[in-house]
């Protein structure tokens, strides 16, 4: 896939911000759906990264609004923030399922071999 123009990057970020799917992005721009799906599966690539930039910025603003309400004693907002925190904690725990790569893998193997 050719390099994206700045306008395409901005438009893809806007679609991510609005919560459109990978399929919507591909169809809107005439991109190969399988290629866009691959980028989303791998969580890398120009389309995915620009989409995610928009998606994450919207999520941050929404969570900030919920946090502000929670800090002002809104019970529903407090409960929602607790859900966000639990979801984030679980996702962060999932990081322990990843295998080390590259140099760190060699260092970990050395530690295992030497009993460190």
N, C-alpha and C. Protein backbone atom coordinates (compact mmCIF):
# COMPACT_ATOMS: atom_id res chain seq x y z
N UNK A 1 0.85 -1.17 0.00
CA UNK A 1 0.00 0.00 0.00
C UNK A 1 0.90 1.23 0.00
N UNK A 2 0.56 2.20 -0.81
CA UNK A 2 1.35 3.42 -0.92
C UNK A 2 1.26 4.23 0.36
N UNK A 3 2.22 5.12 0.52
CA UNK A 3 2.23 5.99 1.68
C UNK A 3 1.03 6.92 1.65
N UNK A 4 0.47 7.18 2.81
CA UNK A 4 -0.72 8.03 2.91
C UNK A 4 -0.34 9.51 2.86
N UNK A 5 -1.23 10.31 2.31
CA UNK A 5 -1.05 11.76 2.35
C UNK A 5 -1.42 12.24 3.75
N UNK A 6 -1.01 13.45 4.08
CA UNK A 6 -1.36 14.00 5.39
C UNK A 6 -2.88 14.12 5.53
N UNK A 7 -3.56 14.48 4.45
CA UNK A 7 -5.02 14.59 4.49
C UNK A 7 -5.66 13.24 4.79
N UNK A 8 -5.15 12.16 4.17
CA UNK A 8 -5.68 10.82 4.43
C UNK A 8 -5.42 10.42 5.88
N UNK A 9 -4.22 10.73 6.38
CA UNK A 9 -3.91 10.41 7.78
C UNK A 9 -4.89 11.10 8.72
N UNK A 10 -5.12 12.39 8.46
CA UNK A 10 -6.04 13.15 9.30
C UNK A 10 -7.46 12.61 9.21
N UNK A 11 -7.89 12.26 7.99
CA UNK A 11 -9.24 11.73 7.80
C UNK A 11 -9.40 10.37 8.48
N UNK A 12 -8.38 9.54 8.40
CA UNK A 12 -8.44 8.22 9.06
C UNK A 12 -8.48 8.40 10.57
N UNK A 13 -7.69 9.34 11.10
CA UNK A 13 -7.72 9.62 12.54
C UNK A 13 -9.12 10.10 12.95
N UNK A 14 -9.73 10.93 12.12
CA UNK A 14 -11.08 11.43 12.42
C UNK A 14 -12.07 10.28 12.45
N UNK A 15 -11.95 9.33 11.52
CA UNK A 15 -12.85 8.17 11.51
C UNK A 15 -12.63 7.31 12.75
N UNK A 16 -11.37 7.16 13.16
CA UNK A 16 -11.08 6.43 14.40
C UNK A 16 -11.68 7.13 15.60
N UNK A 17 -11.57 8.44 15.61
CA UNK A 17 -12.11 9.25 16.71
C UNK A 17 -13.62 9.09 16.82
N UNK A 18 -14.26 8.92 15.67
CA UNK A 18 -15.71 8.76 15.64
C UNK A 18 -16.15 7.31 15.83
N UNK A 19 -15.19 6.40 15.94
CA UNK A 19 -15.51 5.00 16.25
C UNK A 19 -15.85 4.14 15.05
N UNK A 20 -15.44 4.55 13.86
CA UNK A 20 -15.69 3.73 12.68
C UNK A 20 -14.76 2.53 12.67
N UNK A 21 -15.18 1.45 12.07
CA UNK A 21 -14.43 0.20 12.04
C UNK A 21 -13.37 0.19 10.94
N UNK A 22 -12.49 -0.80 10.99
CA UNK A 22 -11.46 -0.97 9.95
C UNK A 22 -12.12 -1.13 8.59
N UNK A 23 -13.23 -1.83 8.56
CA UNK A 23 -13.93 -2.08 7.30
C UNK A 23 -14.48 -0.77 6.72
N UNK A 24 -15.04 0.07 7.59
CA UNK A 24 -15.54 1.37 7.15
C UNK A 24 -14.41 2.22 6.57
N UNK A 25 -13.26 2.19 7.23
CA UNK A 25 -12.10 2.95 6.75
C UNK A 25 -11.68 2.45 5.38
N UNK A 26 -11.56 1.14 5.24
CA UNK A 26 -11.13 0.56 3.97
C UNK A 26 -12.10 0.93 2.85
N UNK A 27 -13.38 0.78 3.10
CA UNK A 27 -14.37 1.07 2.07
C UNK A 27 -14.40 2.57 1.72
N UNK A 28 -14.27 3.41 2.73
CA UNK A 28 -14.30 4.85 2.50
C UNK A 28 -13.15 5.32 1.60
N UNK A 29 -11.98 4.74 1.79
CA UNK A 29 -10.80 5.17 1.04
C UNK A 29 -10.51 4.29 -0.18
N UNK A 30 -11.25 3.21 -0.33
CA UNK A 30 -10.98 2.30 -1.44
C UNK A 30 -9.75 1.44 -1.22
N UNK A 31 -9.39 1.23 0.05
CA UNK A 31 -8.25 0.38 0.39
C UNK A 31 -8.68 -1.08 0.34
N UNK A 32 -7.72 -1.96 0.15
CA UNK A 32 -7.98 -3.40 0.20
C UNK A 32 -8.38 -3.78 1.62
N UNK A 33 -9.56 -4.34 1.78
CA UNK A 33 -10.07 -4.68 3.11
C UNK A 33 -9.15 -5.66 3.83
N UNK A 34 -8.63 -6.64 3.11
CA UNK A 34 -7.75 -7.63 3.73
C UNK A 34 -6.47 -6.98 4.26
N UNK A 35 -5.94 -6.01 3.53
CA UNK A 35 -4.73 -5.31 3.98
C UNK A 35 -5.01 -4.49 5.23
N UNK A 36 -6.12 -3.80 5.25
CA UNK A 36 -6.47 -3.00 6.42
C UNK A 36 -6.74 -3.93 7.61
N UNK A 37 -7.42 -5.03 7.37
CA UNK A 37 -7.67 -6.01 8.44
C UNK A 37 -6.35 -6.53 9.00
N UNK A 38 -5.38 -6.78 8.12
CA UNK A 38 -4.07 -7.28 8.55
C UNK A 38 -3.39 -6.27 9.47
N UNK A 39 -3.47 -4.98 9.10
CA UNK A 39 -2.87 -3.95 9.95
C UNK A 39 -3.53 -3.91 11.32
N UNK A 40 -4.83 -4.08 11.37
CA UNK A 40 -5.53 -4.08 12.65
C UNK A 40 -5.18 -5.33 13.46
N UNK A 41 -5.03 -6.47 12.79
CA UNK A 41 -4.65 -7.69 13.49
C UNK A 41 -3.26 -7.55 14.11
N UNK A 42 -2.34 -6.94 13.36
CA UNK A 42 -0.97 -6.79 13.83
C UNK A 42 -0.77 -5.55 14.72
N UNK A 43 -1.79 -4.70 14.73
CA UNK A 43 -1.74 -3.43 15.46
C UNK A 43 -0.53 -2.60 15.04
N UNK A 44 -0.32 -2.56 13.73
CA UNK A 44 0.76 -1.75 13.17
C UNK A 44 0.46 -1.45 11.71
N UNK A 45 1.10 -0.43 11.22
CA UNK A 45 0.87 0.00 9.85
C UNK A 45 0.26 1.39 9.85
N UNK A 46 0.46 2.09 8.76
CA UNK A 46 0.05 3.49 8.67
C UNK A 46 -1.44 3.71 8.90
N UNK A 47 -2.26 2.86 8.33
CA UNK A 47 -3.70 3.03 8.49
C UNK A 47 -4.10 2.80 9.95
N UNK A 48 -3.66 1.67 10.50
CA UNK A 48 -4.00 1.35 11.89
C UNK A 48 -3.50 2.44 12.84
N UNK A 49 -2.26 2.88 12.68
CA UNK A 49 -1.68 3.84 13.62
C UNK A 49 -2.42 5.17 13.60
N UNK A 50 -2.84 5.62 12.42
CA UNK A 50 -3.59 6.87 12.35
C UNK A 50 -5.00 6.70 12.90
N UNK A 51 -5.63 5.56 12.59
CA UNK A 51 -6.95 5.27 13.14
C UNK A 51 -6.88 5.24 14.67
N UNK A 52 -5.88 4.54 15.19
CA UNK A 52 -5.75 4.39 16.64
C UNK A 52 -5.47 5.73 17.32
N UNK A 53 -4.70 6.58 16.67
CA UNK A 53 -4.42 7.91 17.21
C UNK A 53 -5.74 8.65 17.46
N UNK A 54 -6.64 8.61 16.48
CA UNK A 54 -7.93 9.27 16.63
C UNK A 54 -8.80 8.59 17.67
N UNK A 55 -8.83 7.26 17.62
CA UNK A 55 -9.64 6.49 18.56
C UNK A 55 -9.21 6.75 20.00
N UNK A 56 -7.90 6.72 20.23
CA UNK A 56 -7.39 6.90 21.58
C UNK A 56 -7.61 8.32 22.08
N UNK A 57 -7.47 9.30 21.20
CA UNK A 57 -7.68 10.68 21.65
C UNK A 57 -9.13 10.89 22.07
N UNK A 58 -10.08 10.29 21.36
CA UNK A 58 -11.49 10.39 21.74
C UNK A 58 -11.74 9.67 23.06
N UNK A 59 -11.15 8.49 23.21
CA UNK A 59 -11.31 7.75 24.46
C UNK A 59 -10.77 8.55 25.64
N UNK A 60 -9.64 9.21 25.43
CA UNK A 60 -9.04 10.02 26.50
C UNK A 60 -9.97 11.17 26.90
N UNK A 61 -10.54 11.83 25.92
CA UNK A 61 -11.46 12.93 26.22
C UNK A 61 -12.71 12.45 26.94
N UNK A 62 -13.23 11.32 26.49
CA UNK A 62 -14.42 10.76 27.14
C UNK A 62 -14.11 10.38 28.59
N UNK A 63 -12.99 9.72 28.79
CA UNK A 63 -12.62 9.32 30.15
C UNK A 63 -12.35 10.53 31.03
N UNK A 64 -11.78 11.58 30.45
CA UNK A 64 -11.55 12.79 31.23
C UNK A 64 -12.88 13.38 31.70
N UNK A 65 -13.87 13.37 30.82
CA UNK A 65 -15.19 13.88 31.17
C UNK A 65 -15.81 13.04 32.28
N UNK A 66 -15.68 11.72 32.16
CA UNK A 66 -16.21 10.82 33.19
C UNK A 66 -15.46 11.03 34.51
N UNK A 67 -14.14 11.16 34.44
CA UNK A 67 -13.36 11.39 35.65
C UNK A 67 -13.76 12.70 36.33
N UNK A 68 -13.92 13.75 35.54
CA UNK A 68 -14.35 15.03 36.11
C UNK A 68 -15.68 14.88 36.85
N UNK A 69 -16.61 14.15 36.24
CA UNK A 69 -17.90 13.94 36.88
C UNK A 69 -17.74 13.08 38.14
N UNK A 70 -16.88 12.07 38.07
CA UNK A 70 -16.65 11.21 39.24
C UNK A 70 -16.06 12.01 40.39
N UNK A 71 -15.14 12.90 40.07
CA UNK A 71 -14.52 13.72 41.11
C UNK A 71 -15.51 14.72 41.71
N UNK A 72 -16.61 14.94 41.02
CA UNK A 72 -17.69 15.79 41.54
C UNK A 72 -18.81 14.96 42.15
N UNK A 73 -18.47 13.73 42.54
CA UNK A 73 -19.35 12.83 43.29
C UNK A 73 -20.49 12.23 42.49
N UNK A 74 -20.37 12.12 41.18
CA UNK A 74 -21.38 11.44 40.37
C UNK A 74 -21.21 9.94 40.54
N UNK A 75 -22.18 9.29 41.17
CA UNK A 75 -22.10 7.85 41.42
C UNK A 75 -21.97 7.05 40.12
N UNK A 76 -22.77 7.32 39.08
CA UNK A 76 -22.60 6.57 37.83
C UNK A 76 -21.20 6.77 37.22
N UNK A 77 -20.67 7.98 37.32
CA UNK A 77 -19.33 8.25 36.78
C UNK A 77 -18.26 7.52 37.59
N UNK A 78 -18.44 7.48 38.90
CA UNK A 78 -17.49 6.74 39.74
C UNK A 78 -17.47 5.27 39.35
N UNK A 79 -18.65 4.70 39.18
CA UNK A 79 -18.73 3.29 38.78
C UNK A 79 -18.10 3.06 37.42
N UNK A 80 -18.32 3.99 36.49
CA UNK A 80 -17.73 3.85 35.16
C UNK A 80 -16.21 3.93 35.23
N UNK A 81 -15.67 4.84 36.04
CA UNK A 81 -14.22 4.94 36.17
C UNK A 81 -13.65 3.66 36.78
N UNK A 82 -14.35 3.09 37.75
CA UNK A 82 -13.88 1.83 38.34
C UNK A 82 -13.85 0.73 37.28
N UNK A 83 -14.83 0.73 36.37
CA UNK A 83 -14.82 -0.24 35.27
C UNK A 83 -13.64 0.00 34.35
N UNK A 84 -13.38 1.27 34.03
CA UNK A 84 -12.22 1.59 33.18
C UNK A 84 -10.93 1.11 33.84
N UNK A 85 -10.78 1.38 35.15
CA UNK A 85 -9.57 0.96 35.85
C UNK A 85 -9.42 -0.56 35.87
N UNK A 86 -10.51 -1.27 36.11
CA UNK A 86 -10.45 -2.74 36.13
C UNK A 86 -10.07 -3.28 34.75
N UNK A 87 -10.65 -2.69 33.71
CA UNK A 87 -10.35 -3.12 32.35
C UNK A 87 -8.87 -2.87 32.03
N UNK A 88 -8.36 -1.72 32.43
CA UNK A 88 -6.96 -1.38 32.18
C UNK A 88 -6.03 -2.31 32.96
N UNK A 89 -6.37 -2.58 34.21
CA UNK A 89 -5.54 -3.48 35.02
C UNK A 89 -5.48 -4.87 34.39
N UNK A 90 -6.62 -5.36 33.89
CA UNK A 90 -6.64 -6.67 33.25
C UNK A 90 -5.79 -6.67 31.99
N UNK A 91 -5.93 -5.63 31.20
CA UNK A 91 -5.14 -5.53 29.97
C UNK A 91 -3.65 -5.49 30.30
N UNK A 92 -3.28 -4.74 31.32
CA UNK A 92 -1.88 -4.67 31.71
C UNK A 92 -1.37 -6.01 32.23
N UNK A 93 -2.21 -6.77 32.89
CA UNK A 93 -1.81 -8.11 33.32
C UNK A 93 -1.56 -9.02 32.12
N UNK A 94 -2.31 -8.78 31.04
CA UNK A 94 -2.11 -9.57 29.83
C UNK A 94 -0.71 -9.41 29.26
N UNK A 95 -0.04 -8.32 29.61
CA UNK A 95 1.33 -8.10 29.12
C UNK A 95 2.26 -9.21 29.58
N UNK A 96 1.93 -9.86 30.69
CA UNK A 96 2.77 -10.93 31.20
C UNK A 96 2.69 -12.19 30.34
N UNK A 97 1.70 -12.26 29.46
CA UNK A 97 1.56 -13.40 28.55
C UNK A 97 2.47 -13.28 27.33
N UNK A 98 3.00 -12.09 27.10
CA UNK A 98 3.86 -11.89 25.94
C UNK A 98 5.24 -12.46 26.21
N UNK A 99 5.80 -13.08 25.18
CA UNK A 99 7.15 -13.60 25.27
C UNK A 99 8.13 -12.47 24.99
N UNK A 100 9.22 -12.42 25.74
CA UNK A 100 10.23 -11.40 25.46
C UNK A 100 10.81 -11.61 24.07
N UNK A 101 11.22 -10.54 23.45
CA UNK A 101 11.81 -10.63 22.12
C UNK A 101 13.18 -9.98 22.10
N UNK A 102 13.96 -10.30 21.10
CA UNK A 102 15.23 -9.63 20.86
C UNK A 102 16.22 -9.84 21.98
N UNK A 103 16.93 -8.76 22.30
CA UNK A 103 18.00 -8.80 23.28
C UNK A 103 17.50 -9.23 24.65
N UNK A 104 16.34 -8.76 25.05
CA UNK A 104 15.81 -9.12 26.36
C UNK A 104 15.58 -10.62 26.47
N UNK A 105 15.19 -11.26 25.36
CA UNK A 105 14.99 -12.70 25.38
C UNK A 105 16.31 -13.41 25.67
N UNK A 106 17.38 -12.95 25.04
CA UNK A 106 18.69 -13.55 25.29
C UNK A 106 19.11 -13.33 26.75
N UNK A 107 18.85 -12.13 27.27
CA UNK A 107 19.19 -11.85 28.66
C UNK A 107 18.38 -12.73 29.60
N UNK A 108 17.09 -12.90 29.33
CA UNK A 108 16.25 -13.75 30.17
C UNK A 108 16.71 -15.20 30.10
N UNK A 109 17.09 -15.66 28.91
CA UNK A 109 17.59 -17.04 28.76
C UNK A 109 18.88 -17.21 29.56
N UNK A 110 19.76 -16.21 29.51
CA UNK A 110 21.01 -16.27 30.27
C UNK A 110 20.70 -16.37 31.77
N UNK A 111 19.75 -15.57 32.23
CA UNK A 111 19.39 -15.61 33.65
C UNK A 111 18.83 -16.96 34.03
N UNK A 112 18.05 -17.55 33.15
CA UNK A 112 17.49 -18.87 33.41
C UNK A 112 18.59 -19.91 33.45
N UNK A 113 19.51 -19.83 32.49
CA UNK A 113 20.59 -20.81 32.40
C UNK A 113 21.54 -20.71 33.59
N UNK A 114 21.76 -19.49 34.09
CA UNK A 114 22.73 -19.29 35.17
C UNK A 114 22.08 -19.27 36.53
N UNK A 115 20.74 -19.36 36.56
CA UNK A 115 20.03 -19.36 37.83
C UNK A 115 19.87 -18.00 38.46
N UNK A 116 20.10 -16.95 37.69
CA UNK A 116 19.95 -15.60 38.22
C UNK A 116 18.49 -15.24 38.40
